[in-house]
């Protein structure tokens, strides 16, 4: 049981650090988007690479922050019954959700995206836009990375649920409860 608690803490810290770090990408996204708008509408100047830059930064922030948001319970959830359930019943629901929905979905995305990422690296794929950015393969690499981070966070949620069901919540940090709530 101590190993499960250690795993939960480690994954929560990892995804917290990744999420907090990539949250700072939003500032450059806003600044670059503002620059694109000003250049386009005030000066009739456009740079495809600059427009792609803020789209790519936004995509990177979105993909890498998914696990952080999952950790903190920020994804959309239909709480018709969940909120009214006991802590143990919510833990069972979290355990079910992780293994029936999250793991198969993230596993499928990981499995299907891997050949595309490999191909992208093999050809050193760049933007199809003339004057676009040249490192599209780096952006595509973030998809399997995001899947692994979400899978790890799902396993941490499952481990937290197991500890809750086993009535060993005392091993978890104070803020950690079933499902990150």
N, C-alpha and C. Protein backbone atom coordinates (compact mmCIF):
# COMPACT_ATOMS: atom_id res chain seq x y z
N UNK A 1 0.82 -1.20 0.00
CA UNK A 1 0.00 0.00 0.00
C UNK A 1 0.86 1.27 0.00
N UNK A 2 1.99 1.21 0.69
CA UNK A 2 2.88 2.37 0.68
C UNK A 2 3.40 2.67 -0.71
N UNK A 3 3.63 1.60 -1.50
CA UNK A 3 4.09 1.78 -2.88
C UNK A 3 3.05 2.49 -3.73
N UNK A 4 1.78 2.16 -3.54
CA UNK A 4 0.70 2.84 -4.28
C UNK A 4 0.66 4.32 -3.91
N UNK A 5 0.77 4.61 -2.63
CA UNK A 5 0.74 6.00 -2.19
C UNK A 5 1.93 6.77 -2.74
N UNK A 6 3.09 6.14 -2.77
CA UNK A 6 4.28 6.78 -3.34
C UNK A 6 4.08 7.05 -4.83
N UNK A 7 3.50 6.08 -5.55
CA UNK A 7 3.22 6.23 -6.97
C UNK A 7 2.27 7.42 -7.19
N UNK A 8 1.21 7.51 -6.40
CA UNK A 8 0.25 8.62 -6.52
C UNK A 8 0.96 9.95 -6.33
N UNK A 9 1.76 10.06 -5.29
CA UNK A 9 2.48 11.31 -5.03
C UNK A 9 3.42 11.68 -6.17
N UNK A 10 4.14 10.68 -6.68
CA UNK A 10 5.12 10.93 -7.74
C UNK A 10 4.42 11.40 -9.01
N UNK A 11 3.35 10.72 -9.42
CA UNK A 11 2.64 11.10 -10.65
C UNK A 11 1.95 12.45 -10.47
N UNK A 12 1.35 12.68 -9.33
CA UNK A 12 0.72 13.98 -9.07
C UNK A 12 1.74 15.11 -9.16
N UNK A 13 2.91 14.90 -8.59
CA UNK A 13 3.96 15.92 -8.66
C UNK A 13 4.46 16.12 -10.09
N UNK A 14 4.67 15.00 -10.79
CA UNK A 14 5.14 15.09 -12.18
C UNK A 14 4.16 15.90 -13.02
N UNK A 15 2.88 15.52 -12.99
CA UNK A 15 1.90 16.22 -13.82
C UNK A 15 1.63 17.63 -13.33
N UNK A 16 1.78 17.87 -12.05
CA UNK A 16 1.68 19.23 -11.54
C UNK A 16 2.80 20.10 -12.06
N UNK A 17 4.02 19.57 -12.06
CA UNK A 17 5.17 20.32 -12.56
C UNK A 17 5.05 20.58 -14.06
N UNK A 18 4.66 19.54 -14.81
CA UNK A 18 4.49 19.71 -16.27
C UNK A 18 3.39 20.73 -16.54
N UNK A 19 2.26 20.59 -15.87
CA UNK A 19 1.14 21.49 -16.10
C UNK A 19 1.47 22.93 -15.75
N UNK A 20 2.09 23.13 -14.61
CA UNK A 20 2.45 24.50 -14.21
C UNK A 20 3.45 25.10 -15.19
N UNK A 21 4.40 24.30 -15.63
CA UNK A 21 5.41 24.79 -16.58
C UNK A 21 4.76 25.18 -17.91
N UNK A 22 3.93 24.30 -18.46
CA UNK A 22 3.34 24.61 -19.77
C UNK A 22 2.26 25.67 -19.68
N UNK A 23 1.72 25.90 -18.47
CA UNK A 23 0.73 26.97 -18.35
C UNK A 23 1.35 28.32 -18.73
N UNK A 24 2.66 28.43 -18.58
CA UNK A 24 3.34 29.66 -18.97
C UNK A 24 3.40 29.84 -20.49
N UNK A 25 3.07 28.78 -21.25
CA UNK A 25 3.01 28.92 -22.71
C UNK A 25 1.84 29.80 -23.14
N UNK A 26 0.87 29.97 -22.28
CA UNK A 26 -0.30 30.77 -22.65
C UNK A 26 0.09 32.24 -22.84
N UNK A 27 1.03 32.73 -22.06
CA UNK A 27 1.47 34.12 -22.23
C UNK A 27 2.05 34.36 -23.63
N UNK A 28 3.00 33.54 -24.11
CA UNK A 28 3.47 33.74 -25.48
C UNK A 28 2.36 33.53 -26.52
N UNK A 29 1.43 32.63 -26.26
CA UNK A 29 0.31 32.42 -27.19
C UNK A 29 -0.45 33.73 -27.36
N UNK A 30 -0.78 34.37 -26.27
CA UNK A 30 -1.54 35.62 -26.31
C UNK A 30 -0.72 36.72 -26.98
N UNK A 31 0.55 36.81 -26.63
CA UNK A 31 1.39 37.87 -27.21
C UNK A 31 1.59 37.68 -28.71
N UNK A 32 1.83 36.45 -29.13
CA UNK A 32 2.02 36.18 -30.56
C UNK A 32 0.71 36.39 -31.31
N UNK A 33 -0.41 35.95 -30.75
CA UNK A 33 -1.71 36.16 -31.40
C UNK A 33 -2.00 37.65 -31.54
N UNK A 34 -1.72 38.41 -30.50
CA UNK A 34 -1.90 39.86 -30.55
C UNK A 34 -1.04 40.48 -31.65
N UNK A 35 0.21 40.03 -31.73
CA UNK A 35 1.12 40.53 -32.76
C UNK A 35 0.60 40.21 -34.16
N UNK A 36 0.12 38.99 -34.36
CA UNK A 36 -0.43 38.59 -35.66
C UNK A 36 -1.60 39.49 -36.05
N UNK A 37 -2.50 39.75 -35.11
CA UNK A 37 -3.67 40.59 -35.39
C UNK A 37 -3.25 42.02 -35.71
N UNK A 38 -2.36 42.58 -34.91
CA UNK A 38 -1.91 43.95 -35.16
C UNK A 38 -1.22 44.06 -36.52
N UNK A 39 -0.31 43.13 -36.80
CA UNK A 39 0.38 43.17 -38.10
C UNK A 39 -0.60 43.03 -39.26
N UNK A 40 -1.55 42.14 -39.12
CA UNK A 40 -2.49 41.89 -40.22
C UNK A 40 -3.43 43.06 -40.44
N UNK A 41 -4.06 43.55 -39.38
CA UNK A 41 -5.11 44.55 -39.55
C UNK A 41 -4.61 45.99 -39.50
N UNK A 42 -3.51 46.24 -38.86
CA UNK A 42 -2.98 47.61 -38.80
C UNK A 42 -2.00 47.88 -39.93
N UNK A 43 -1.25 46.84 -40.35
CA UNK A 43 -0.20 47.06 -41.34
C UNK A 43 -0.34 46.20 -42.60
N UNK A 44 -1.37 45.37 -42.65
CA UNK A 44 -1.60 44.45 -43.79
C UNK A 44 -0.38 43.57 -44.06
N UNK A 45 0.25 43.13 -42.99
CA UNK A 45 1.42 42.25 -43.10
C UNK A 45 1.05 40.91 -42.47
N UNK A 46 1.45 39.84 -43.13
CA UNK A 46 1.20 38.52 -42.57
C UNK A 46 2.42 37.63 -42.66
N UNK A 47 2.67 36.89 -41.61
CA UNK A 47 3.76 35.92 -41.58
C UNK A 47 3.16 34.56 -41.22
N UNK A 48 3.12 33.63 -42.18
CA UNK A 48 2.55 32.30 -41.88
C UNK A 48 3.22 31.62 -40.69
N UNK A 49 4.53 31.75 -40.57
CA UNK A 49 5.24 31.09 -39.48
C UNK A 49 4.81 31.65 -38.12
N UNK A 50 4.48 32.96 -38.08
CA UNK A 50 4.06 33.58 -36.83
C UNK A 50 2.66 33.10 -36.44
N UNK A 51 1.78 32.99 -37.43
CA UNK A 51 0.44 32.47 -37.15
C UNK A 51 0.51 31.02 -36.68
N UNK A 52 1.33 30.22 -37.33
CA UNK A 52 1.50 28.83 -36.91
C UNK A 52 2.10 28.74 -35.52
N UNK A 53 2.98 29.65 -35.18
CA UNK A 53 3.64 29.62 -33.88
C UNK A 53 2.63 29.66 -32.74
N UNK A 54 1.66 30.56 -32.81
CA UNK A 54 0.72 30.61 -31.69
C UNK A 54 -0.23 29.44 -31.71
N UNK A 55 -0.54 28.91 -32.87
CA UNK A 55 -1.39 27.71 -32.94
C UNK A 55 -0.64 26.52 -32.34
N UNK A 56 0.63 26.38 -32.70
CA UNK A 56 1.43 25.27 -32.19
C UNK A 56 1.67 25.39 -30.69
N UNK A 57 1.95 26.59 -30.21
CA UNK A 57 2.14 26.78 -28.77
C UNK A 57 0.87 26.46 -28.00
N UNK A 58 -0.25 26.88 -28.55
CA UNK A 58 -1.53 26.58 -27.90
C UNK A 58 -1.78 25.07 -27.88
N UNK A 59 -1.51 24.40 -28.99
CA UNK A 59 -1.67 22.95 -29.04
C UNK A 59 -0.76 22.24 -28.05
N UNK A 60 0.47 22.70 -27.95
CA UNK A 60 1.42 22.11 -27.01
C UNK A 60 0.93 22.29 -25.57
N UNK A 61 0.48 23.49 -25.24
CA UNK A 61 -0.01 23.74 -23.88
C UNK A 61 -1.23 22.87 -23.59
N UNK A 62 -2.14 22.77 -24.54
CA UNK A 62 -3.35 21.98 -24.36
C UNK A 62 -3.00 20.51 -24.12
N UNK A 63 -2.15 19.95 -24.98
CA UNK A 63 -1.83 18.53 -24.87
C UNK A 63 -1.08 18.20 -23.58
N UNK A 64 -0.11 19.03 -23.24
CA UNK A 64 0.72 18.72 -22.08
C UNK A 64 0.03 19.04 -20.75
N UNK A 65 -1.03 19.85 -20.78
CA UNK A 65 -1.74 20.18 -19.53
C UNK A 65 -2.92 19.25 -19.26
N UNK A 66 -3.25 18.36 -20.19
CA UNK A 66 -4.41 17.48 -20.00
C UNK A 66 -4.32 16.66 -18.71
N UNK A 67 -3.17 16.09 -18.44
CA UNK A 67 -3.02 15.24 -17.25
C UNK A 67 -3.11 16.07 -15.98
N UNK A 68 -2.60 17.28 -16.01
CA UNK A 68 -2.67 18.19 -14.86
C UNK A 68 -4.13 18.52 -14.55
N UNK A 69 -4.89 18.80 -15.59
CA UNK A 69 -6.32 19.10 -15.43
C UNK A 69 -7.06 17.87 -14.89
N UNK A 70 -6.70 16.69 -15.41
CA UNK A 70 -7.30 15.45 -14.91
C UNK A 70 -6.98 15.25 -13.43
N UNK A 71 -5.74 15.50 -13.06
CA UNK A 71 -5.32 15.37 -11.66
C UNK A 71 -6.18 16.23 -10.74
N UNK A 72 -6.49 17.45 -11.20
CA UNK A 72 -7.23 18.40 -10.37
C UNK A 72 -8.74 18.32 -10.56
N UNK A 73 -9.21 17.32 -11.32
CA UNK A 73 -10.65 17.13 -11.50
C UNK A 73 -11.30 18.21 -12.34
N UNK A 74 -10.56 18.78 -13.29
CA UNK A 74 -11.07 19.89 -14.09
C UNK A 74 -11.75 19.50 -15.38
N UNK A 75 -11.73 18.22 -15.74
CA UNK A 75 -12.41 17.81 -16.96
C UNK A 75 -13.91 17.74 -16.73
N UNK A 76 -14.66 17.85 -17.79
CA UNK A 76 -16.12 17.81 -17.70
C UNK A 76 -16.56 16.44 -17.20
N UNK A 77 -17.43 16.46 -16.23
CA UNK A 77 -17.95 15.22 -15.65
C UNK A 77 -19.45 15.44 -15.42
N UNK A 78 -20.22 14.42 -15.70
CA UNK A 78 -21.65 14.48 -15.43
C UNK A 78 -21.84 14.02 -13.99
N UNK A 79 -22.14 14.96 -13.13
CA UNK A 79 -22.20 14.69 -11.69
C UNK A 79 -23.62 14.44 -11.18
N UNK A 80 -24.45 13.80 -11.97
CA UNK A 80 -25.82 13.54 -11.52
C UNK A 80 -25.85 12.71 -10.25
N UNK A 81 -24.99 11.71 -10.18
CA UNK A 81 -24.97 10.82 -9.04
C UNK A 81 -23.67 10.93 -8.23
N UNK A 82 -22.59 11.18 -8.91
CA UNK A 82 -21.25 11.12 -8.33
C UNK A 82 -21.13 11.96 -7.06
N UNK A 83 -21.60 13.19 -7.10
CA UNK A 83 -21.46 14.08 -5.94
C UNK A 83 -22.19 13.56 -4.71
N UNK A 84 -23.27 12.83 -4.94
CA UNK A 84 -24.09 12.35 -3.82
C UNK A 84 -23.57 11.04 -3.24
N UNK A 85 -22.67 10.39 -3.94
CA UNK A 85 -22.16 9.10 -3.49
C UNK A 85 -21.16 9.27 -2.35
N UNK A 86 -20.97 8.19 -1.62
CA UNK A 86 -19.97 8.18 -0.56
C UNK A 86 -18.58 8.19 -1.20
N UNK A 87 -17.58 8.48 -0.39
CA UNK A 87 -16.19 8.53 -0.88
C UNK A 87 -15.80 7.17 -1.47
N UNK A 88 -16.19 6.09 -0.83
CA UNK A 88 -15.84 4.74 -1.34
C UNK A 88 -16.55 4.44 -2.66
N UNK A 89 -17.80 4.84 -2.77
CA UNK A 89 -18.54 4.59 -4.01
C UNK A 89 -17.95 5.41 -5.16
N UNK A 90 -17.54 6.65 -4.86
CA UNK A 90 -16.86 7.47 -5.88
C UNK A 90 -15.53 6.83 -6.28
N UNK A 91 -14.84 6.24 -5.32
CA UNK A 91 -13.57 5.56 -5.62
C UNK A 91 -13.82 4.39 -6.57
N UNK A 92 -14.88 3.63 -6.33
CA UNK A 92 -15.22 2.53 -7.23
C UNK A 92 -15.54 3.06 -8.64
N UNK A 93 -16.27 4.16 -8.70
CA UNK A 93 -16.60 4.77 -10.00
C UNK A 93 -15.34 5.24 -10.71
N UNK A 94 -14.42 5.84 -9.96
CA UNK A 94 -13.15 6.29 -10.55
C UNK A 94 -12.35 5.10 -11.08
N UNK A 95 -12.30 4.05 -10.30
CA UNK A 95 -11.58 2.84 -10.71
C UNK A 95 -12.18 2.27 -12.00
N UNK A 96 -13.49 2.19 -12.04
CA UNK A 96 -14.20 1.71 -13.22
C UNK A 96 -13.91 2.62 -14.42
N UNK A 97 -14.04 3.92 -14.23
CA UNK A 97 -13.83 4.88 -15.32
C UNK A 97 -12.43 4.84 -15.89
N UNK A 98 -11.45 4.69 -15.02
CA UNK A 98 -10.06 4.64 -15.49
C UNK A 98 -9.84 3.43 -16.39
N UNK A 99 -10.28 2.26 -15.92
CA UNK A 99 -9.96 1.04 -16.67
C UNK A 99 -10.93 0.73 -17.82
N UNK A 100 -12.14 1.27 -17.77
CA UNK A 100 -13.09 1.01 -18.85
C UNK A 100 -13.04 2.10 -19.92
N UNK A 101 -12.76 3.32 -19.54
CA UNK A 101 -12.78 4.42 -20.50
C UNK A 101 -11.40 5.03 -20.77
N UNK A 102 -10.73 5.50 -19.72
CA UNK A 102 -9.49 6.25 -19.92
C UNK A 102 -8.37 5.40 -20.50
N UNK A 103 -8.08 4.25 -19.91
CA UNK A 103 -6.96 3.42 -20.39
C UNK A 103 -7.18 2.96 -21.83
N UNK A 104 -8.37 2.43 -22.18
CA UNK A 104 -8.55 2.02 -23.58
C UNK A 104 -8.47 3.20 -24.56
N UNK A 105 -9.01 4.36 -24.19
CA UNK A 105 -8.98 5.50 -25.10
C UNK A 105 -7.55 6.02 -25.28
N UNK A 106 -6.85 6.24 -24.19
CA UNK A 106 -5.48 6.74 -24.31
C UNK A 106 -4.58 5.70 -24.96
N UNK A 107 -4.80 4.42 -24.65
CA UNK A 107 -4.02 3.35 -25.29
C UNK A 107 -4.25 3.32 -26.79
N UNK A 108 -5.50 3.51 -27.20
CA UNK A 108 -5.81 3.52 -28.63
C UNK A 108 -5.16 4.71 -29.33
N UNK A 109 -5.28 5.87 -28.73
CA UNK A 109 -4.67 7.07 -29.33
C UNK A 109 -3.16 6.90 -29.42
N UNK A 110 -2.56 6.38 -28.37
CA UNK A 110 -1.12 6.14 -28.36
C UNK A 110 -0.72 5.16 -29.47
N UNK A 111 -1.44 4.06 -29.54
CA UNK A 111 -1.15 3.02 -30.54
C UNK A 111 -1.32 3.56 -31.97
N UNK A 112 -2.39 4.31 -32.21
CA UNK A 112 -2.65 4.82 -33.56
C UNK A 112 -1.76 6.00 -33.94
N UNK A 113 -1.33 6.77 -32.96
CA UNK A 113 -0.51 7.94 -33.28
C UNK A 113 0.97 7.61 -33.47
N UNK A 114 1.42 6.53 -32.84
CA UNK A 114 2.84 6.21 -32.87
C UNK A 114 3.41 6.08 -34.29
N UNK A 115 2.77 5.33 -35.20
CA UNK A 115 3.31 5.26 -36.56
C UNK A 115 3.35 6.62 -37.27
N UNK A 116 2.37 7.47 -36.99
CA UNK A 116 2.36 8.80 -37.60
C UNK A 116 3.52 9.65 -37.09
N UNK A 117 3.80 9.53 -35.81
CA UNK A 117 4.92 10.28 -35.22
C UNK A 117 6.25 9.75 -35.78
N UNK A 118 6.36 8.43 -35.89
CA UNK A 118 7.59 7.85 -36.45
C UNK A 118 7.80 8.33 -37.88
N UNK A 119 6.74 8.31 -38.69
CA UNK A 119 6.84 8.77 -40.08
C UNK A 119 7.24 10.24 -40.12
N UNK A 120 6.65 11.04 -39.25
CA UNK A 120 6.94 12.46 -39.21
C UNK A 120 8.42 12.70 -38.90
N UNK A 121 8.98 11.94 -37.96
CA UNK A 121 10.40 12.06 -37.64
C UNK A 121 11.27 11.57 -38.79
N UNK A 122 10.85 10.48 -39.42
CA UNK A 122 11.64 9.91 -40.51
C UNK A 122 11.81 10.90 -41.66
N UNK A 123 10.75 11.66 -41.97
CA UNK A 123 10.83 12.61 -43.08
C UNK A 123 11.12 14.03 -42.60
N UNK A 124 11.32 14.17 -41.26
CA UNK A 124 11.56 15.48 -40.67
C UNK A 124 10.48 16.46 -41.14
N UNK A 125 9.25 16.07 -40.91
CA UNK A 125 8.08 16.78 -41.42
C UNK A 125 8.07 18.24 -41.00
N UNK A 126 7.69 19.06 -41.95
CA UNK A 126 7.54 20.49 -41.68
C UNK A 126 6.15 20.92 -42.10
N UNK A 127 5.83 22.13 -41.84
CA UNK A 127 4.51 22.66 -42.17
C UNK A 127 4.28 22.62 -43.67
N UNK A 128 3.07 22.26 -44.10
CA UNK A 128 2.76 22.30 -45.53
C UNK A 128 2.59 23.73 -46.05
N UNK A 129 2.48 24.68 -45.15
CA UNK A 129 2.33 26.08 -45.53
C UNK A 129 3.67 26.64 -45.98
N UNK A 130 3.66 27.34 -47.10
CA UNK A 130 4.92 27.97 -47.51
C UNK A 130 5.28 29.00 -46.44
N UNK A 131 6.52 29.09 -46.11
CA UNK A 131 7.01 29.96 -45.05
C UNK A 131 6.48 29.59 -43.66
N UNK A 132 6.05 28.32 -43.53
CA UNK A 132 5.58 27.85 -42.22
C UNK A 132 6.75 27.37 -41.38
N UNK A 133 6.43 26.88 -40.21
CA UNK A 133 7.46 26.37 -39.30
C UNK A 133 7.99 25.03 -39.81
N UNK A 134 9.21 24.74 -39.46
CA UNK A 134 9.87 23.56 -40.03
C UNK A 134 9.92 22.35 -39.11
N UNK A 135 9.40 22.44 -37.92
CA UNK A 135 9.56 21.34 -36.96
C UNK A 135 8.23 20.71 -36.56
N UNK A 136 7.40 20.37 -37.53
CA UNK A 136 6.10 19.78 -37.24
C UNK A 136 6.24 18.46 -36.50
N UNK A 137 7.30 17.72 -36.76
CA UNK A 137 7.51 16.44 -36.09
C UNK A 137 7.63 16.60 -34.58
N UNK A 138 8.14 17.72 -34.12
CA UNK A 138 8.22 17.96 -32.67
C UNK A 138 6.82 18.13 -32.07
N UNK A 139 5.97 18.87 -32.77
CA UNK A 139 4.61 19.06 -32.29
C UNK A 139 3.87 17.73 -32.27
N UNK A 140 4.02 16.92 -33.31
CA UNK A 140 3.34 15.63 -33.36
C UNK A 140 3.82 14.69 -32.26
N UNK A 141 5.05 14.84 -31.82
CA UNK A 141 5.60 14.02 -30.75
C UNK A 141 4.86 14.26 -29.44
N UNK A 142 4.28 15.43 -29.29
CA UNK A 142 3.58 15.74 -28.05
C UNK A 142 2.31 14.90 -27.86
N UNK A 143 1.75 14.37 -28.94
CA UNK A 143 0.55 13.55 -28.79
C UNK A 143 0.81 12.28 -27.99
N UNK A 144 1.80 11.45 -28.35
CA UNK A 144 2.06 10.29 -27.50
C UNK A 144 2.57 10.67 -26.11
N UNK A 145 3.31 11.76 -25.99
CA UNK A 145 3.76 12.20 -24.67
C UNK A 145 2.55 12.54 -23.80
N UNK A 146 1.59 13.27 -24.37
CA UNK A 146 0.38 13.62 -23.63
C UNK A 146 -0.39 12.37 -23.23
N UNK A 147 -0.48 11.39 -24.13
CA UNK A 147 -1.18 10.14 -23.81
C UNK A 147 -0.52 9.43 -22.64
N UNK A 148 0.80 9.38 -22.63
CA UNK A 148 1.52 8.72 -21.53
C UNK A 148 1.27 9.46 -20.22
N UNK A 149 1.31 10.78 -20.25
CA UNK A 149 1.06 11.56 -19.03
C UNK A 149 -0.37 11.33 -18.51
N UNK A 150 -1.35 11.29 -19.41
CA UNK A 150 -2.73 11.06 -19.01
C UNK A 150 -2.90 9.63 -18.50
N UNK A 151 -2.27 8.66 -19.17
CA UNK A 151 -2.32 7.27 -18.70
C UNK A 151 -1.74 7.16 -17.29
N UNK A 152 -0.60 7.77 -17.07
CA UNK A 152 0.02 7.74 -15.74
C UNK A 152 -0.90 8.38 -14.70
N UNK A 153 -1.52 9.51 -15.06
CA UNK A 153 -2.42 10.16 -14.11
C UNK A 153 -3.64 9.29 -13.86
N UNK A 154 -4.12 8.61 -14.89
CA UNK A 154 -5.23 7.68 -14.71
C UNK A 154 -4.87 6.56 -13.75
N UNK A 155 -3.66 6.03 -13.90
CA UNK A 155 -3.21 4.98 -12.99
C UNK A 155 -3.06 5.51 -11.57
N UNK A 156 -2.65 6.76 -11.43
CA UNK A 156 -2.56 7.38 -10.10
C UNK A 156 -3.96 7.53 -9.49
N UNK A 157 -4.93 7.88 -10.32
CA UNK A 157 -6.32 7.98 -9.84
C UNK A 157 -6.80 6.61 -9.41
N UNK A 158 -6.47 5.58 -10.19
CA UNK A 158 -6.86 4.21 -9.83
C UNK A 158 -6.19 3.79 -8.52
N UNK A 159 -4.91 4.11 -8.38
CA UNK A 159 -4.19 3.76 -7.14
C UNK A 159 -4.80 4.49 -5.95
N UNK A 160 -5.15 5.76 -6.14
CA UNK A 160 -5.80 6.53 -5.08
C UNK A 160 -7.13 5.89 -4.71
N UNK A 161 -7.88 5.44 -5.74
CA UNK A 161 -9.17 4.80 -5.49
C UNK A 161 -8.99 3.49 -4.71
N UNK A 162 -7.98 2.72 -5.07
CA UNK A 162 -7.70 1.46 -4.36
C UNK A 162 -7.38 1.74 -2.89
N UNK A 163 -6.58 2.75 -2.65
CA UNK A 163 -6.25 3.12 -1.27
C UNK A 163 -7.50 3.58 -0.51
N UNK A 164 -8.38 4.29 -1.20
CA UNK A 164 -9.63 4.74 -0.57
C UNK A 164 -10.52 3.55 -0.25
N UNK A 165 -10.66 2.63 -1.20
CA UNK A 165 -11.49 1.44 -0.99
C UNK A 165 -10.94 0.59 0.16
N UNK A 166 -9.61 0.50 0.24
CA UNK A 166 -8.96 -0.27 1.29
C UNK A 166 -8.89 0.49 2.62
N UNK A 167 -9.48 1.67 2.64
CA UNK A 167 -9.49 2.54 3.82
C UNK A 167 -8.09 2.87 4.30
N UNK A 168 -7.22 3.17 3.33
CA UNK A 168 -5.85 3.57 3.64
C UNK A 168 -5.57 4.97 3.11
N UNK A 169 -6.56 5.84 3.17
CA UNK A 169 -6.39 7.22 2.73
C UNK A 169 -5.35 7.97 3.56
N UNK A 170 -5.06 7.44 4.75
CA UNK A 170 -4.06 8.05 5.61
C UNK A 170 -2.68 8.07 4.95
N UNK A 171 -2.47 7.21 3.95
CA UNK A 171 -1.18 7.17 3.25
C UNK A 171 -1.07 8.25 2.18
N UNK A 172 -2.20 8.86 1.84
CA UNK A 172 -2.22 9.87 0.77
C UNK A 172 -1.99 11.26 1.35
N UNK A 173 -1.49 12.18 0.51
CA UNK A 173 -1.39 13.57 0.95
C UNK A 173 -2.78 14.09 1.32
N UNK A 174 -2.84 15.09 2.16
CA UNK A 174 -4.12 15.61 2.65
C UNK A 174 -5.09 15.98 1.54
N UNK A 175 -4.61 16.63 0.46
CA UNK A 175 -5.51 17.11 -0.58
C UNK A 175 -5.94 16.02 -1.54
N UNK A 176 -5.31 14.85 -1.48
CA UNK A 176 -5.62 13.79 -2.44
C UNK A 176 -6.79 12.95 -1.94
N UNK A 177 -7.85 12.93 -2.75
CA UNK A 177 -8.98 12.06 -2.48
C UNK A 177 -9.34 11.38 -3.77
N UNK A 178 -10.31 10.50 -3.75
CA UNK A 178 -10.69 9.74 -4.94
C UNK A 178 -11.04 10.69 -6.07
N UNK A 179 -10.42 10.46 -7.22
CA UNK A 179 -10.73 11.24 -8.41
C UNK A 179 -10.15 12.63 -8.41
N UNK A 180 -9.29 12.94 -7.47
CA UNK A 180 -8.67 14.26 -7.45
C UNK A 180 -9.60 15.34 -6.91
N UNK A 181 -10.74 14.96 -6.31
CA UNK A 181 -11.70 15.95 -5.82
C UNK A 181 -11.53 16.15 -4.33
